[in-house]
C-alpha atoms as a PDB file:
ATOM      1  CA  MET A   1       0.000   0.000   0.000  1.00  0.00           C
ATOM      2  CA  SER A   2       1.482   3.369  -1.008  1.00  0.00           C
ATOM      3  CA  THR A   3       1.995   6.172   1.485  1.00  0.00           C
ATOM      4  CA  PRO A   4      -0.435   9.086   0.972  1.00  0.00           C
ATOM      5  CA  LYS A   5       1.240  12.097  -0.649  1.00  0.00           C
ATOM      6  CA  VAL A   6      -0.082  14.354   2.105  1.00  0.00           C
ATOM      7  CA  ALA A   7       1.800  12.282   4.667  1.00  0.00           C
ATOM      8  CA  ILE A   8       4.969  12.406   2.575  1.00  0.00           C
ATOM      9  CA  LEU A   9       4.766  16.173   2.184  1.00  0.00           C
ATOM     10  CA  GLY A  10       4.026  16.560   5.869  1.00  0.00           C
ATOM     11  CA  GLY A  11       7.103  14.532   6.713  1.00  0.00           C
ATOM     12  CA  VAL A  12       9.233  16.638   4.379  1.00  0.00           C
ATOM     13  CA  ALA A  13       7.946  19.848   5.942  1.00  0.00           C
ATOM     14  CA  LEU A  14       8.639  18.535   9.453  1.00  0.00           C
ATOM     15  CA  SER A  15      12.135  17.462   8.421  1.00  0.00           C
ATOM     16  CA  LEU A  16      12.788  20.886   6.939  1.00  0.00           C
ATOM     17  CA  LEU A  17      11.653  22.672  10.088  1.00  0.00           C
ATOM     18  CA  CYS A  18      13.843  20.434  12.233  1.00  0.00           C
ATOM     19  CA  SER A  19      16.877  21.027   9.999  1.00  0.00           C
ATOM     20  CA  VAL A  20      16.381  24.784  10.089  1.00  0.00           C
ATOM     21  CA  ALA A  21      15.943  24.737  13.848  1.00  0.00           C
ATOM     22  CA  LEU A  22      19.193  22.803  14.301  1.00  0.00           C
ATOM     23  CA  ALA A  23      21.239  25.168  12.098  1.00  0.00           C
ATOM     24  CA  GLU A  24      23.996  26.779  14.135  1.00  0.00           C
ATOM     25  CA  GLN A  25      25.484  30.245  13.917  1.00  0.00           C
ATOM     26  CA  THR A  26      28.980  30.315  12.433  1.00  0.00           C
ATOM     27  CA  THR A  27      31.895  31.054  14.723  1.00  0.00           C
ATOM     28  CA  TYR A  28      34.867  32.799  13.094  1.00  0.00           C
ATOM     29  CA  PRO A  29      37.581  32.151  12.225  1.00  0.00           C
ATOM     30  CA  LEU A  30      36.068  29.153  10.444  1.00  0.00           C
ATOM     31  CA  THR A  31      38.327  26.417   9.038  1.00  0.00           C
ATOM     32  CA  ILE A  32      36.922  23.866   6.617  1.00  0.00           C
ATOM     33  CA  GLU A  33      38.427  21.079   4.513  1.00  0.00           C
ATOM     34  CA  ASN A  34      37.943  21.648   0.792  1.00  0.00           C
ATOM     35  CA  CYS A  35      39.367  19.426  -1.935  1.00  0.00           C
ATOM     36  CA  GLY A  36      42.271  18.338   0.232  1.00  0.00           C
ATOM     37  CA  GLN A  37      43.079  21.812   1.510  1.00  0.00           C
ATOM     38  CA  GLN A  38      42.379  23.612   4.776  1.00  0.00           C
ATOM     39  CA  VAL A  39      40.607  26.906   4.140  1.00  0.00           C
ATOM     40  CA  THR A  40      40.264  29.484   6.911  1.00  0.00           C
ATOM     41  CA  ILE A  41      37.626  32.209   6.735  1.00  0.00           C
ATOM     42  CA  GLU A  42      38.331  35.047   9.168  1.00  0.00           C
ATOM     43  CA  ARG A  43      34.928  36.710   8.767  1.00  0.00           C
ATOM     44  CA  ALA A  44      31.788  36.405   6.649  1.00  0.00           C
ATOM     45  CA  PRO A  45      32.693  37.487   3.093  1.00  0.00           C
ATOM     46  CA  GLU A  46      31.341  40.792   1.829  1.00  0.00           C
ATOM     47  CA  ARG A  47      32.862  40.929  -1.699  1.00  0.00           C
ATOM     48  CA  ALA A  48      32.711  37.410  -3.104  1.00  0.00           C
ATOM     49  CA  VAL A  49      33.545  36.819  -6.770  1.00  0.00           C
ATOM     50  CA  ALA A  50      31.914  33.600  -7.969  1.00  0.00           C
ATOM     51  CA  LEU A  51      33.692  31.850 -10.838  1.00  0.00           C
ATOM     52  CA  GLY A  52      31.130  29.710 -12.616  1.00  0.00           C
ATOM     53  CA  GLN A  53      27.374  29.568 -12.878  1.00  0.00           C
ATOM     54  CA  ASN A  54      26.912  27.001 -10.114  1.00  0.00           C
ATOM     55  CA  SER A  55      28.993  28.943  -7.593  1.00  0.00           C
ATOM     56  CA  ALA A  56      27.035  32.106  -8.402  1.00  0.00           C
ATOM     57  CA  GLU A  57      23.584  30.530  -8.338  1.00  0.00           C
ATOM     58  CA  ILE A  58      24.191  28.817  -5.003  1.00  0.00           C
ATOM     59  CA  LEU A  59      25.041  32.185  -3.456  1.00  0.00           C
ATOM     60  CA  LEU A  60      21.993  33.760  -5.090  1.00  0.00           C
ATOM     61  CA  LEU A  61      19.726  30.953  -3.859  1.00  0.00           C
ATOM     62  CA  LEU A  62      21.062  31.633  -0.367  1.00  0.00           C
ATOM     63  CA  GLY A  63      20.054  35.285  -0.727  1.00  0.00           C
ATOM     64  CA  LEU A  64      23.629  36.578  -0.692  1.00  0.00           C
ATOM     65  CA  GLU A  65      23.588  38.945  -3.673  1.00  0.00           C
ATOM     66  CA  ASP A  66      24.417  41.877  -1.381  1.00  0.00           C
ATOM     67  CA  ARG A  67      27.694  40.144  -0.530  1.00  0.00           C
ATOM     68  CA  MET A  68      28.705  39.365  -4.121  1.00  0.00           C
ATOM     69  CA  ALA A  69      31.029  41.734  -5.967  1.00  0.00           C
ATOM     70  CA  ALA A  70      30.888  39.951  -9.329  1.00  0.00           C
ATOM     71  CA  THR A  71      30.507  36.667 -11.231  1.00  0.00           C
ATOM     72  CA  ALA A  72      31.962  35.097 -14.377  1.00  0.00           C
ATOM     73  CA  PHE A  73      31.497  32.098 -16.712  1.00  0.00           C
ATOM     74  CA  TRP A  74      27.818  31.570 -17.570  1.00  0.00           C
ATOM     75  CA  PRO A  75      27.095  28.863 -20.186  1.00  0.00           C
ATOM     76  CA  ASN A  76      23.383  29.554 -19.641  1.00  0.00           C
ATOM     77  CA  SER A  77      21.205  32.386 -18.442  1.00  0.00           C
ATOM     78  CA  VAL A  78      20.508  32.625 -14.726  1.00  0.00           C
ATOM     79  CA  LEU A  79      17.449  30.860 -13.302  1.00  0.00           C
ATOM     80  CA  PRO A  80      14.437  33.139 -13.952  1.00  0.00           C
ATOM     81  CA  GLU A  81      13.559  33.399 -10.276  1.00  0.00           C
ATOM     82  CA  LEU A  82      17.098  34.604  -9.535  1.00  0.00           C
ATOM     83  CA  ALA A  83      17.230  37.191 -12.319  1.00  0.00           C
ATOM     84  CA  PRO A  84      16.258  40.230 -10.181  1.00  0.00           C
ATOM     85  CA  ALA A  85      18.931  39.421  -7.596  1.00  0.00           C
ATOM     86  CA  ASN A  86      21.492  38.604 -10.293  1.00  0.00           C
ATOM     87  CA  ASP A  87      20.873  41.955 -11.980  1.00  0.00           C
ATOM     88  CA  THR A  88      22.368  43.661  -8.926  1.00  0.00           C
ATOM     89  CA  VAL A  89      25.685  41.779  -9.324  1.00  0.00           C
ATOM     90  CA  GLU A  90      28.275  42.649 -11.954  1.00  0.00           C
ATOM     91  CA  VAL A  91      29.050  40.008 -14.588  1.00  0.00           C
ATOM     92  CA  ILE A  92      32.714  40.203 -15.571  1.00  0.00           C
ATOM     93  CA  THR A  93      32.204  37.919 -18.587  1.00  0.00           C
ATOM     94  CA  VAL A  94      30.055  34.927 -19.556  1.00  0.00           C
ATOM     95  CA  GLU A  95      33.273  33.223 -20.717  1.00  0.00           C
ATOM     96  CA  PHE A  96      36.542  32.589 -18.856  1.00  0.00           C
ATOM     97  CA  PRO A  97      37.702  35.748 -17.047  1.00  0.00           C
ATOM     98  CA  THR A  98      41.283  36.902 -16.596  1.00  0.00           C
ATOM     99  CA  LEU A  99      42.905  36.859 -13.181  1.00  0.00           C
ATOM    100  CA  GLU A 100      43.376  40.616 -13.437  1.00  0.00           C
ATOM    101  CA  SER A 101      39.655  41.188 -14.016  1.00  0.00           C
ATOM    102  CA  VAL A 102      38.813  39.112 -10.942  1.00  0.00           C
ATOM    103  CA  LEU A 103      41.330  40.894  -8.704  1.00  0.00           C
ATOM    104  CA  ALA A 104      40.020  44.259  -9.940  1.00  0.00           C
ATOM    105  CA  GLN A 105      36.819  43.471  -8.009  1.00  0.00           C
ATOM    106  CA  GLN A 106      38.817  43.433  -4.734  1.00  0.00           C
ATOM    107  CA  PRO A 107      37.356  40.073  -3.655  1.00  0.00           C
ATOM    108  CA  ASP A 108      37.553  38.775  -0.111  1.00  0.00           C
ATOM    109  CA  PHE A 109      36.421  35.250  -1.142  1.00  0.00           C
ATOM    110  CA  VAL A 110      36.538  33.385  -4.472  1.00  0.00           C
ATOM    111  CA  PRO A 111      34.534  30.165  -4.988  1.00  0.00           C
ATOM    112  CA  ALA A 112      34.857  28.314  -8.311  1.00  0.00           C
ATOM    113  CA  MET A 113      32.895  25.474  -9.903  1.00  0.00           C
ATOM    114  CA  LEU A 114      35.531  24.008 -12.259  1.00  0.00           C
ATOM    115  CA  VAL A 115      39.253  23.273 -12.159  1.00  0.00           C
ATOM    116  CA  THR A 116      39.479  25.033 -15.522  1.00  0.00           C
ATOM    117  CA  LEU A 117      38.439  28.189 -13.663  1.00  0.00           C
ATOM    118  CA  MET A 118      40.667  27.669 -10.638  1.00  0.00           C
ATOM    119  CA  GLY A 119      43.024  24.718 -10.675  1.00  0.00           C
ATOM    120  CA  PRO A 120      46.625  23.602 -11.188  1.00  0.00           C
ATOM    121  CA  ASP A 121      46.409  23.879 -14.979  1.00  0.00           C
ATOM    122  CA  SER A 122      43.829  26.671 -15.196  1.00  0.00           C
ATOM    123  CA  LYS A 123      44.498  29.532 -17.591  1.00  0.00           C
ATOM    124  CA  VAL A 124      42.386  31.772 -15.341  1.00  0.00           C
ATOM    125  CA  ALA A 125      43.915  31.297 -11.895  1.00  0.00           C
ATOM    126  CA  LYS A 126      45.410  28.856  -9.447  1.00  0.00           C
ATOM    127  CA  ARG A 127      44.335  28.739  -5.832  1.00  0.00           C
ATOM    128  CA  GLU A 128      47.726  29.993  -4.713  1.00  0.00           C
ATOM    129  CA  ASP A 129      47.281  33.105  -6.877  1.00  0.00           C
ATOM    130  CA  PHE A 130      44.596  34.197  -4.448  1.00  0.00           C
ATOM    131  CA  GLU A 131      46.009  32.675  -1.296  1.00  0.00           C
ATOM    132  CA  THR A 132      49.289  34.616  -1.597  1.00  0.00           C
ATOM    133  CA  LEU A 133      47.125  37.742  -1.485  1.00  0.00           C
ATOM    134  CA  GLY A 134      45.251  36.533   1.579  1.00  0.00           C
ATOM    135  CA  ILE A 135      42.046  35.790  -0.354  1.00  0.00           C
ATOM    136  CA  PRO A 136      40.426  32.489   0.704  1.00  0.00           C
ATOM    137  CA  THR A 137      39.128  30.226  -2.063  1.00  0.00           C
ATOM    138  CA  TYR A 138      36.718  27.324  -2.451  1.00  0.00           C
ATOM    139  CA  LEU A 139      36.527  24.709  -5.207  1.00  0.00           C
ATOM    140  CA  SER A 140      33.338  22.792  -5.848  1.00  0.00           C
ATOM    141  CA  PRO A 141      33.568  19.246  -4.410  1.00  0.00           C
ATOM    142  CA  SER A 142      32.275  17.973  -7.761  1.00  0.00           C
ATOM    143  CA  ALA A 143      35.317  19.441  -9.487  1.00  0.00           C
ATOM    144  CA  CYS A 144      37.871  17.609  -7.366  1.00  0.00           C
ATOM    145  CA  THR A 145      36.290  14.142  -7.544  1.00  0.00           C
ATOM    146  CA  THR A 146      37.417  13.395 -11.097  1.00  0.00           C
ATOM    147  CA  GLU A 147      40.667  11.634 -11.979  1.00  0.00           C
ATOM    148  CA  ALA A 148      43.204  12.335 -14.707  1.00  0.00           C
ATOM    149  CA  ASP A 149      42.297  10.810 -18.073  1.00  0.00           C
ATOM    150  CA  SER A 150      45.567   9.248 -19.236  1.00  0.00           C
ATOM    151  CA  GLN A 151      43.907   7.232 -21.974  1.00  0.00           C
ATOM    152  CA  ASN A 152      40.516   6.624 -23.521  1.00  0.00           C
ATOM    153  CA  ALA A 153      38.214   5.560 -20.717  1.00  0.00           C
ATOM    154  CA  ASN A 154      37.125   1.903 -20.922  1.00  0.00           C
ATOM    155  CA  GLY A 155      38.879   1.587 -24.283  1.00  0.00           C
ATOM    156  CA  SER A 156      36.136   3.689 -25.831  1.00  0.00           C
ATOM    157  CA  ALA A 157      36.554   5.810 -28.942  1.00  0.00           C
ATOM    158  CA  ALA A 158      35.384   8.717 -26.807  1.00  0.00           C
ATOM    159  CA  THR A 159      38.073  10.904 -25.292  1.00  0.00           C
ATOM    160  CA  SER A 160      38.115  13.729 -22.747  1.00  0.00           C
ATOM    161  CA  VAL A 161      40.545  16.362 -21.519  1.00  0.00           C
ATOM    162  CA  TYR A 162      38.424  16.956 -18.412  1.00  0.00           C
ATOM    163  CA  GLY A 163      39.263  13.763 -16.542  1.00  0.00           C
ATOM    164  CA  VAL A 164      37.241  10.677 -15.719  1.00  0.00           C
ATOM    165  CA  ARG A 165      34.679   9.910 -13.062  1.00  0.00           C
ATOM    166  CA  LYS A 166      34.910   6.355 -11.716  1.00  0.00           C
ATOM    167  CA  ASP A 167      31.667   6.476  -9.724  1.00  0.00           C
ATOM    168  CA  LEU A 168      28.275   7.916 -10.583  1.00  0.00           C
ATOM    169  CA  TRP A 169      28.035  11.582  -9.598  1.00  0.00           C
ATOM    170  CA  SER A 170      25.268  12.510  -7.187  1.00  0.00           C
ATOM    171  CA  MET A 171      23.628  15.603  -5.725  1.00  0.00           C
ATOM    172  CA  ASP A 172      25.321  14.809  -2.403  1.00  0.00           C
ATOM    173  CA  LEU A 173      28.358  16.738  -3.662  1.00  0.00           C
ATOM    174  CA  VAL A 174      26.153  19.766  -4.330  1.00  0.00           C
ATOM    175  CA  TYR A 175      24.548  19.449  -0.900  1.00  0.00           C
ATOM    176  CA  LYS A 176      28.023  19.506   0.636  1.00  0.00           C
ATOM    177  CA  GLU A 177      28.806  22.663  -1.324  1.00  0.00           C
ATOM    178  CA  ILE A 178      25.584  24.380  -0.243  1.00  0.00           C
ATOM    179  CA  GLU A 179      26.256  23.445   3.372  1.00  0.00           C
ATOM    180  CA  ASP A 180      29.799  24.828   3.185  1.00  0.00           C
ATOM    181  CA  MET A 181      28.685  28.095   1.568  1.00  0.00           C
ATOM    182  CA  ALA A 182      25.971  28.539   4.177  1.00  0.00           C
ATOM    183  CA  ARG A 183      28.512  28.059   6.983  1.00  0.00           C
ATOM    184  CA  ILE A 184      31.045  30.409   5.377  1.00  0.00           C
ATOM    185  CA  PHE A 185      28.444  33.185   5.065  1.00  0.00           C
ATOM    186  CA  ASP A 186      26.724  32.412   8.406  1.00  0.00           C
ATOM    187  CA  VAL A 187      23.353  31.541   6.873  1.00  0.00           C
ATOM    188  CA  ALA A 188      23.150  27.890   7.922  1.00  0.00           C
ATOM    189  CA  ASP A 189      19.369  28.045   8.253  1.00  0.00           C
ATOM    190  CA  ARG A 190      18.992  29.067   4.604  1.00  0.00           C
ATOM    191  CA  GLY A 191      21.346  26.311   3.527  1.00  0.00           C
ATOM    192  CA  ALA A 192      19.425  23.664   5.441  1.00  0.00           C
ATOM    193  CA  ALA A 193      16.116  24.794   3.927  1.00  0.00           C
ATOM    194  CA  LEU A 194      17.541  24.770   0.397  1.00  0.00           C
ATOM    195  CA  ILE A 195      19.011  21.285   0.789  1.00  0.00           C
ATOM    196  CA  GLU A 196      15.747  19.894   2.145  1.00  0.00           C
ATOM    197  CA  ASP A 197      13.818  21.365  -0.778  1.00  0.00           C
ATOM    198  CA  PHE A 198      16.207  19.818  -3.305  1.00  0.00           C
ATOM    199  CA  LYS A 199      16.127  16.432  -1.561  1.00  0.00           C
ATOM    200  CA  ALA A 200      12.328  16.389  -1.661  1.00  0.00           C
ATOM    201  CA  ARG A 201      12.303  17.185  -5.379  1.00  0.00           C
ATOM    202  CA  GLU A 202      14.940  14.546  -6.043  1.00  0.00           C
ATOM    203  CA  ALA A 203      12.957  11.933  -4.103  1.00  0.00           C
ATOM    204  CA  ALA A 204       9.758  12.780  -6.000  1.00  0.00           C
ATOM    205  CA  LEU A 205      11.416  12.070  -9.347  1.00  0.00           C
ATOM    206  CA  ARG A 206      12.989   8.866  -8.062  1.00  0.00           C
ATOM    207  CA  GLU A 207       9.576   7.660  -6.928  1.00  0.00           C
ATOM    208  CA  GLU A 208       7.803   8.548 -10.179  1.00  0.00           C
ATOM    209  CA  PHE A 209      10.226   7.006 -12.679  1.00  0.00           C
ATOM    210  CA  THR A 210      10.778   3.307 -12.175  1.00  0.00           C
ATOM    211  CA  GLU A 211      13.977   1.647 -13.335  1.00  0.00           C
ATOM    212  CA  ARG A 212      13.946   0.077 -16.803  1.00  0.00           C
ATOM    213  CA  ASP A 213      16.716  -1.548 -18.826  1.00  0.00           C
ATOM    214  CA  ASP A 214      15.455  -0.412 -22.237  1.00  0.00           C
ATOM    215  CA  LEU A 215      15.639   3.348 -21.637  1.00  0.00           C
ATOM    216  CA  THR A 216      18.872   5.104 -22.627  1.00  0.00           C
ATOM    217  CA  PHE A 217      19.673   8.785 -23.040  1.00  0.00           C
ATOM    218  CA  LEU A 218      22.338  10.522 -25.088  1.00  0.00           C
ATOM    219  CA  PHE A 219      23.186  14.019 -23.832  1.00  0.00           C
ATOM    220  CA  TRP A 220      24.595  16.284 -26.570  1.00  0.00           C
ATOM    221  CA  PHE A 221      26.152  19.455 -25.158  1.00  0.00           C
ATOM    222  CA  SER A 222      27.528  21.023 -28.343  1.00  0.00           C
ATOM    223  CA  SER A 223      29.815  20.697 -31.378  1.00  0.00           C
ATOM    224  CA  PRO A 224      31.933  23.180 -33.322  1.00  0.00           C
ATOM    225  CA  SER A 225      30.156  21.968 -36.485  1.00  0.00           C
ATOM    226  CA  PRO A 226      28.218  18.920 -37.747  1.00  0.00           C
ATOM    227  CA  ALA A 227      31.461  17.538 -39.182  1.00  0.00           C
ATOM    228  CA  ASP A 228      33.236  17.663 -35.804  1.00  0.00           C
ATOM    229  CA  ASP A 229      33.000  15.226 -32.927  1.00  0.00           C
ATOM    230  CA  ALA A 230      30.263  16.084 -30.440  1.00  0.00           C
ATOM    231  CA  TYR A 231      30.844  17.033 -26.811  1.00  0.00           C
ATOM    232  CA  LEU A 232      28.662  14.683 -24.755  1.00  0.00           C
ATOM    233  CA  GLY A 233      27.721  14.148 -21.136  1.00  0.00           C
ATOM    234  CA  GLY A 234      29.851  11.322 -19.726  1.00  0.00           C
ATOM    235  CA  GLY A 235      28.471   8.069 -18.388  1.00  0.00           C
ATOM    236  CA  ASN A 236      29.144   8.760 -14.693  1.00  0.00           C
ATOM    237  CA  GLY A 237      28.748  12.522 -14.756  1.00  0.00           C
ATOM    238  CA  PRO A 238      25.650  14.626 -14.053  1.00  0.00           C
ATOM    239  CA  SER A 239      24.075  13.376 -17.283  1.00  0.00           C
ATOM    240  CA  GLY A 240      24.425   9.795 -16.073  1.00  0.00           C
ATOM    241  CA  TYR A 241      22.873  10.837 -12.768  1.00  0.00           C
ATOM    242  CA  ILE A 242      19.890  12.386 -14.575  1.00  0.00           C
ATOM    243  CA  ALA A 243      19.416   9.236 -16.668  1.00  0.00           C
ATOM    244  CA  ASP A 244      19.542   7.090 -13.541  1.00  0.00           C
ATOM    245  CA  LEU A 245      17.145   9.367 -11.638  1.00  0.00           C
ATOM    246  CA  LEU A 246      14.624   9.031 -14.469  1.00  0.00           C
ATOM    247  CA  GLY A 247      14.834   5.236 -14.546  1.00  0.00           C
ATOM    248  CA  GLY A 248      17.255   4.795 -17.430  1.00  0.00           C
ATOM    249  CA  SER A 249      20.962   4.940 -18.171  1.00  0.00           C
ATOM    250  CA  ASN A 250      23.421   6.972 -20.183  1.00  0.00           C
ATOM    251  CA  ALA A 251      23.898   5.564 -23.691  1.00  0.00           C
ATOM    252  CA  VAL A 252      27.511   6.751 -23.530  1.00  0.00           C
ATOM    253  CA  LYS A 253      29.215   4.321 -21.148  1.00  0.00           C
ATOM    254  CA  THR A 254      32.635   5.967 -21.036  1.00  0.00           C
ATOM    255  CA  GLU A 255      33.906   7.225 -17.672  1.00  0.00           C
ATOM    256  CA  ALA A 256      35.209  10.405 -19.334  1.00  0.00           C
ATOM    257  CA  GLU A 257      33.555  13.456 -17.770  1.00  0.00           C
ATOM    258  CA  TRP A 258      33.130  15.246 -21.116  1.00  0.00           C
ATOM    259  CA  PRO A 259      33.777  12.715 -23.903  1.00  0.00           C
ATOM    260  CA  THR A 260      33.912  13.676 -27.559  1.00  0.00           C
ATOM    261  CA  LEU A 261      32.493  11.188 -30.034  1.00  0.00           C
ATOM    262  CA  GLY A 262      31.968  11.062 -33.795  1.00  0.00           C
ATOM    263  CA  TRP A 263      28.535  10.509 -35.276  1.00  0.00           C
ATOM    264  CA  GLU A 264      29.257   6.905 -36.238  1.00  0.00           C
ATOM    265  CA  GLY A 265      29.846   6.178 -32.559  1.00  0.00           C
ATOM    266  CA  ILE A 266      26.757   8.125 -31.542  1.00  0.00           C
ATOM    267  CA  MET A 267      24.616   6.200 -34.013  1.00  0.00           C
ATOM    268  CA  ALA A 268      26.049   2.936 -32.689  1.00  0.00           C
ATOM    269  CA  ALA A 269      24.950   3.974 -29.172  1.00  0.00           C
ATOM    270  CA  ASP A 270      21.381   4.140 -30.568  1.00  0.00           C
ATOM    271  CA  PRO A 271      19.756   5.960 -27.613  1.00  0.00           C
ATOM    272  CA  THR A 272      16.067   5.796 -26.797  1.00  0.00           C
ATOM    273  CA  VAL A 273      16.058   9.560 -26.219  1.00  0.00           C
ATOM    274  CA  PHE A 274      18.300  12.309 -27.595  1.00  0.00           C
ATOM    275  CA  VAL A 275      18.781  15.212 -25.186  1.00  0.00           C
ATOM    276  CA  ALA A 276      19.738  18.395 -27.024  1.00  0.00           C
ATOM    277  CA  ALA A 277      21.313  20.939 -24.685  1.00  0.00           C
ATOM    278  CA  GLN A 278      20.395  24.595 -24.966  1.00  0.00           C
ATOM    279  CA  VAL A 279      23.606  26.543 -24.397  1.00  0.00           C
ATOM    280  CA  ASP A 280      23.073  30.305 -24.248  1.00  0.00           C
ATOM    281  CA  ARG A 281      26.652  31.431 -24.877  1.00  0.00           C
ATOM    282  CA  ASN A 282      27.402  32.640 -28.418  1.00  0.00           C
ATOM    283  CA  ARG A 283      30.347  30.426 -29.383  1.00  0.00           C
ATOM    284  CA  TRP A 284      29.166  27.772 -31.879  1.00  0.00           C
ATOM    285  CA  ASP A 285      26.062  27.468 -34.070  1.00  0.00           C
ATOM    286  CA  LEU A 286      25.319  24.085 -32.516  1.00  0.00           C
ATOM    287  CA  ASP A 287      25.161  25.609 -29.021  1.00  0.00           C
ATOM    288  CA  THR A 288      21.434  26.112 -29.538  1.00  0.00           C
ATOM    289  CA  ALA A 289      18.969  23.259 -29.158  1.00  0.00           C
ATOM    290  CA  GLU A 290      17.136  24.480 -32.259  1.00  0.00           C
ATOM    291  CA  ASN A 291      20.180  23.938 -34.473  1.00  0.00           C
ATOM    292  CA  LYS A 292      20.904  20.568 -32.880  1.00  0.00           C
ATOM    293  CA  ILE A 293      17.380  19.382 -33.622  1.00  0.00           C
ATOM    294  CA  ALA A 294      17.604  20.697 -37.181  1.00  0.00           C
ATOM    295  CA  PHE A 295      20.717  18.581 -37.729  1.00  0.00           C
ATOM    296  CA  LEU A 296      19.273  15.460 -36.077  1.00  0.00           C
ATOM    297  CA  THR A 297      16.132  15.589 -38.218  1.00  0.00           C
ATOM    298  CA  SER A 298      17.797  16.486 -41.539  1.00  0.00           C
ATOM    299  CA  ASP A 299      21.032  14.486 -41.636  1.00  0.00           C
ATOM    300  CA  PRO A 300      20.456  11.536 -44.016  1.00  0.00           C
ATOM    301  CA  ALA A 301      21.909   8.965 -41.612  1.00  0.00           C
ATOM    302  CA  VAL A 302      21.162  10.338 -38.140  1.00  0.00           C
ATOM    303  CA  SER A 303      17.549  11.117 -39.005  1.00  0.00           C
ATOM    304  CA  GLN A 304      16.925   7.396 -39.541  1.00  0.00           C
ATOM    305  CA  LEU A 305      17.598   6.491 -35.913  1.00  0.00           C
ATOM    306  CA  ASP A 306      14.499   5.212 -34.131  1.00  0.00           C
ATOM    307  CA  ALA A 307      14.663   7.930 -31.467  1.00  0.00           C
ATOM    308  CA  VAL A 308      14.716  10.682 -34.076  1.00  0.00           C
ATOM    309  CA  LYS A 309      11.963   9.143 -36.225  1.00  0.00           C
ATOM    310  CA  ALA A 310       9.789   8.734 -33.115  1.00  0.00           C
ATOM    311  CA  GLY A 311      10.337  12.355 -32.099  1.00  0.00           C
ATOM    312  CA  HIS A 312      12.074  11.376 -28.871  1.00  0.00           C
ATOM    313  CA  ILE A 313      14.245  14.487 -28.791  1.00  0.00           C
ATOM    314  CA  ALA A 314      14.173  16.460 -25.573  1.00  0.00           C
ATOM    315  CA  VAL A 315      15.638  19.885 -24.800  1.00  0.00           C
ATOM    316  CA  MET A 316      17.508  20.584 -21.577  1.00  0.00           C
ATOM    317  CA  SER A 317      19.591  23.459 -20.256  1.00  0.00           C
ATOM    318  CA  GLY A 318      23.277  22.898 -20.969  1.00  0.00           C
ATOM    319  CA  ALA A 319      24.060  24.082 -17.430  1.00  0.00           C
ATOM    320  CA  ALA A 320      22.381  20.913 -16.134  1.00  0.00           C
ATOM    321  CA  MET A 321      25.159  18.825 -17.688  1.00  0.00           C
ATOM    322  CA  ASN A 322      27.707  20.514 -15.444  1.00  0.00           C
ATOM    323  CA  PRO A 323      27.804  19.160 -11.866  1.00  0.00           C
ATOM    324  CA  SER A 324      25.654  21.816 -10.234  1.00  0.00           C
ATOM    325  CA  ILE A 325      22.343  22.756  -8.699  1.00  0.00           C
ATOM    326  CA  ARG A 326      21.084  23.059 -12.276  1.00  0.00           C
ATOM    327  CA  THR A 327      21.423  19.292 -12.718  1.00  0.00           C
ATOM    328  CA  LEU A 328      18.261  18.737 -10.677  1.00  0.00           C
ATOM    329  CA  TYR A 329      16.437  21.451 -12.614  1.00  0.00           C
ATOM    330  CA  GLY A 330      17.527  19.707 -15.810  1.00  0.00           C
ATOM    331  CA  ALA A 331      16.187  16.385 -14.566  1.00  0.00           C
ATOM    332  CA  GLU A 332      12.823  18.032 -13.881  1.00  0.00           C
ATOM    333  CA  GLN A 333      12.879  19.695 -17.305  1.00  0.00           C
ATOM    334  CA  LEU A 334      13.576  16.359 -18.986  1.00  0.00           C
ATOM    335  CA  ALA A 335      10.974  14.543 -16.867  1.00  0.00           C
ATOM    336  CA  GLU A 336       8.270  16.931 -18.055  1.00  0.00           C
ATOM    337  CA  GLN A 337       9.029  16.032 -21.674  1.00  0.00           C
ATOM    338  CA  LEU A 338       9.316  12.302 -21.016  1.00  0.00           C
ATOM    339  CA  ARG A 339       5.744  12.296 -19.728  1.00  0.00           C
ATOM    340  CA  SER A 340       4.574  13.359 -23.182  1.00  0.00           C
ATOM    341  CA  PHE A 341       6.687  10.853 -25.138  1.00  0.00           C
ATOM    342  CA  ASP A 342       5.055   7.671 -26.400  1.00  0.00           C
ATOM    343  CA  LEU A 343       7.748   5.400 -24.986  1.00  0.00           C
ATOM    344  CA  PRO A 344       7.169   1.639 -25.343  1.00  0.00           C
END
């Protein structure tokens, strides 16, 4: 016998209230462990510069726009509900910023979502660039849980320069990040409420979509052109998590975080559903979902795939394919479309 939804929602609400009640005020200086480093925060930041959409949107969801000096690197537009708050914060660039442009904002805290934005081989900045200036930093836990990709993962034709993920990514890494940000800014109650809301939404999708072996998804982020290999969501990355949450699996089995694959390999994967990412930056023509769909439905070979002929092409925000809060939003966006598909 199933549990009444009213009882489930009541339990979620009670859990949320308990979590908020148990949230403790931050005592400074605060020292936390982050990606193998000890980070000490002397006081609540007042001029944070968030490098990456996820880092920025977490702070905005926590209501911290008045403590943000600037942001950078936005593959997609901000969540609509966060737009008014985001409009009060300067955007340095929607692409990769320079270190000089970040330092010009006089930041007192710099969180980043990707190692390409702040890592050992980053062209933007290394953590020590800020630390030598006394500016504490934070790297998303999702960014430091990949491993170096020394060769094609699993012997696949797909390759990646962004590392490999041995285990399936989960929202737990995002919850850790939200919790850390809330502690750093002394808004633990807001962090607890946000995490509880996300967990409830995640659980609702898990309950609705039962596991099935015949449902596979292929997540296409973008391509420089139709003749080039496509950038795809890797098997164990956020795209794989979304597929698993919705009862299926990623058609691309490689452990590479961001594999590239030619169209012969994509056709061989033969997914049940194509997921065309909408990427709002203005870099390549195939950033837009509209142009992706036009290619899928007009190419003489690709258009003959069962998923394309059946119209099983879904659109999802490209930001959801990055390990971030947007991953859950992407899962909900995809779920809404799956409900209308005539899947066997």
